[in-house]
Amino acid sequence: MSAGFGGGMGIEKTCGALASGVMVLSLLSVVDRAHESGRIKELTRELFETYSRDMGSFDCDSLKENHRTEKEKCFRVILKAAEVLDAIVSREVPGLASGPRS
């Protein structure tokens, strides 16, 4: 479903890992229409601002230049997106917190 998000949607713009994060936030916070509440916009803004603060950008070309390695590829870029998303989801939907399950 989100395969086309890779490589900044194929044009090295917005990081696909963040775009996928927006999909998750939408699934968790929108019942019928996004415009029923400003909450999805707030959560999306938080995702992008936190990520950009930590990584220096949310654009694929800049992230690749500064964080991608030949060995790991975009692992660190994706991991940071997952960490930021997880923090938001854990706060917003406490029962969905990630981590070890028994």
Protein backbone atom coordinates (compact mmCIF):
# COMPACT_ATOMS: atom_id res chain seq x y z
CA MET A 1 0.00 0.00 0.00
CA SER A 2 2.84 2.42 0.73
CA ALA A 3 5.54 0.93 -1.54
CA GLY A 4 5.46 4.00 -3.78
CA PHE A 5 6.49 6.21 -0.86
CA GLY A 6 10.12 5.03 -1.04
CA GLY A 7 12.74 7.45 -2.25
CA GLY A 8 10.65 10.44 -1.27
CA MET A 9 7.78 9.24 -3.47
CA GLY A 10 10.30 8.50 -6.17
CA ILE A 11 11.28 12.15 -6.54
CA GLU A 12 13.38 12.60 -3.37
CA LYS A 13 10.93 14.96 -1.68
CA THR A 14 9.06 14.16 1.55
CA CYS A 15 10.51 11.05 3.21
CA GLY A 16 8.34 8.03 2.50
CA ALA A 17 8.72 6.77 6.07
CA LEU A 18 7.03 9.95 7.27
CA ALA A 19 4.31 9.70 4.63
CA SER A 20 3.64 6.18 5.92
CA GLY A 21 3.50 7.61 9.44
CA VAL A 22 0.77 9.99 8.31
CA MET A 23 -1.19 6.97 7.06
CA VAL A 24 -0.92 5.37 10.50
CA LEU A 25 -1.94 8.55 12.31
CA SER A 26 -4.89 8.93 9.96
CA LEU A 27 -6.03 5.37 10.58
CA LEU A 28 -5.85 5.88 14.34
CA SER A 29 -7.38 9.35 14.59
CA VAL A 30 -9.88 9.87 11.76
CA VAL A 31 -13.30 8.28 12.02
CA ASP A 32 -15.06 9.49 8.86
CA ARG A 33 -13.55 12.75 7.58
CA ALA A 34 -10.26 14.42 8.40
CA HIS A 35 -11.92 17.81 8.60
CA GLU A 36 -14.18 16.77 11.48
CA SER A 37 -11.34 17.67 13.81
CA GLY A 38 -8.02 19.44 13.59
CA ARG A 39 -6.38 16.59 15.50
CA ILE A 40 -4.89 14.84 12.45
CA LYS A 41 -3.26 18.10 11.38
CA GLU A 42 -1.82 18.59 14.87
CA LEU A 43 -0.44 15.05 15.00
CA THR A 44 0.99 15.28 11.49
CA ARG A 45 2.65 18.59 12.32
CA GLU A 46 4.12 17.06 15.49
CA LEU A 47 5.45 14.09 13.52
CA PHE A 48 7.16 16.29 10.94
CA GLU A 49 8.47 18.92 13.38
CA THR A 50 9.91 16.37 15.81
CA TYR A 51 11.47 14.34 13.02
CA SER A 52 12.93 17.40 11.31
CA ARG A 53 14.35 18.69 14.61
CA ASP A 54 16.07 15.36 15.26
CA MET A 55 17.22 14.61 11.69
CA GLY A 56 17.69 18.10 10.25
CA SER A 57 15.12 17.71 7.49
CA PHE A 58 12.23 15.62 6.27
CA ASP A 59 13.21 15.73 2.59
CA CYS A 60 14.56 12.51 1.14
CA ASP A 61 17.47 14.08 -0.75
CA SER A 62 18.82 15.81 2.36
CA LEU A 63 18.24 12.77 4.56
CA LYS A 64 20.05 10.52 2.10
CA GLU A 65 22.97 12.93 1.93
CA ASN A 66 23.31 13.16 5.72
CA HIS A 67 22.08 9.83 7.10
CA ARG A 68 22.06 7.11 4.42
CA THR A 69 25.00 4.72 4.23
CA GLU A 70 25.84 2.16 1.60
CA LYS A 71 25.77 -0.62 4.19
CA GLU A 72 22.62 0.34 6.11
CA LYS A 73 20.82 2.20 3.31
CA CYS A 74 18.05 4.29 4.94
CA PHE A 75 17.77 2.18 8.09
CA ARG A 76 18.52 5.10 10.48
CA VAL A 77 16.10 7.37 8.62
CA ILE A 78 13.30 4.82 8.85
CA LEU A 79 14.11 3.90 12.45
CA LYS A 80 13.89 7.54 13.56
CA ALA A 81 10.52 7.92 11.78
CA ALA A 82 9.28 4.80 13.58
CA GLU A 83 10.52 6.08 16.95
CA VAL A 84 8.82 9.45 16.55
CA LEU A 85 5.61 7.82 15.33
CA ASP A 86 5.69 5.30 18.17
CA ALA A 87 6.01 8.07 20.77
CA ILE A 88 2.95 9.83 19.35
CA VAL A 89 0.89 6.65 19.02
CA SER A 90 1.86 5.50 22.54
CA ARG A 91 0.62 8.78 23.95
CA GLU A 92 -2.53 9.00 21.82
CA VAL A 93 -3.55 5.33 21.99
CA PRO A 94 -1.90 3.91 25.11
CA GLY A 95 -3.05 0.34 24.48
CA LEU A 96 -1.13 0.28 21.20
CA ALA A 97 2.28 1.01 22.71
CA SER A 98 5.00 -1.00 21.01
CA GLY A 99 7.55 -3.07 22.75
CA PRO A 100 7.99 -6.64 23.86
CA ARG A 101 4.80 -8.64 24.06
CA SER A 102 4.41 -11.66 26.25
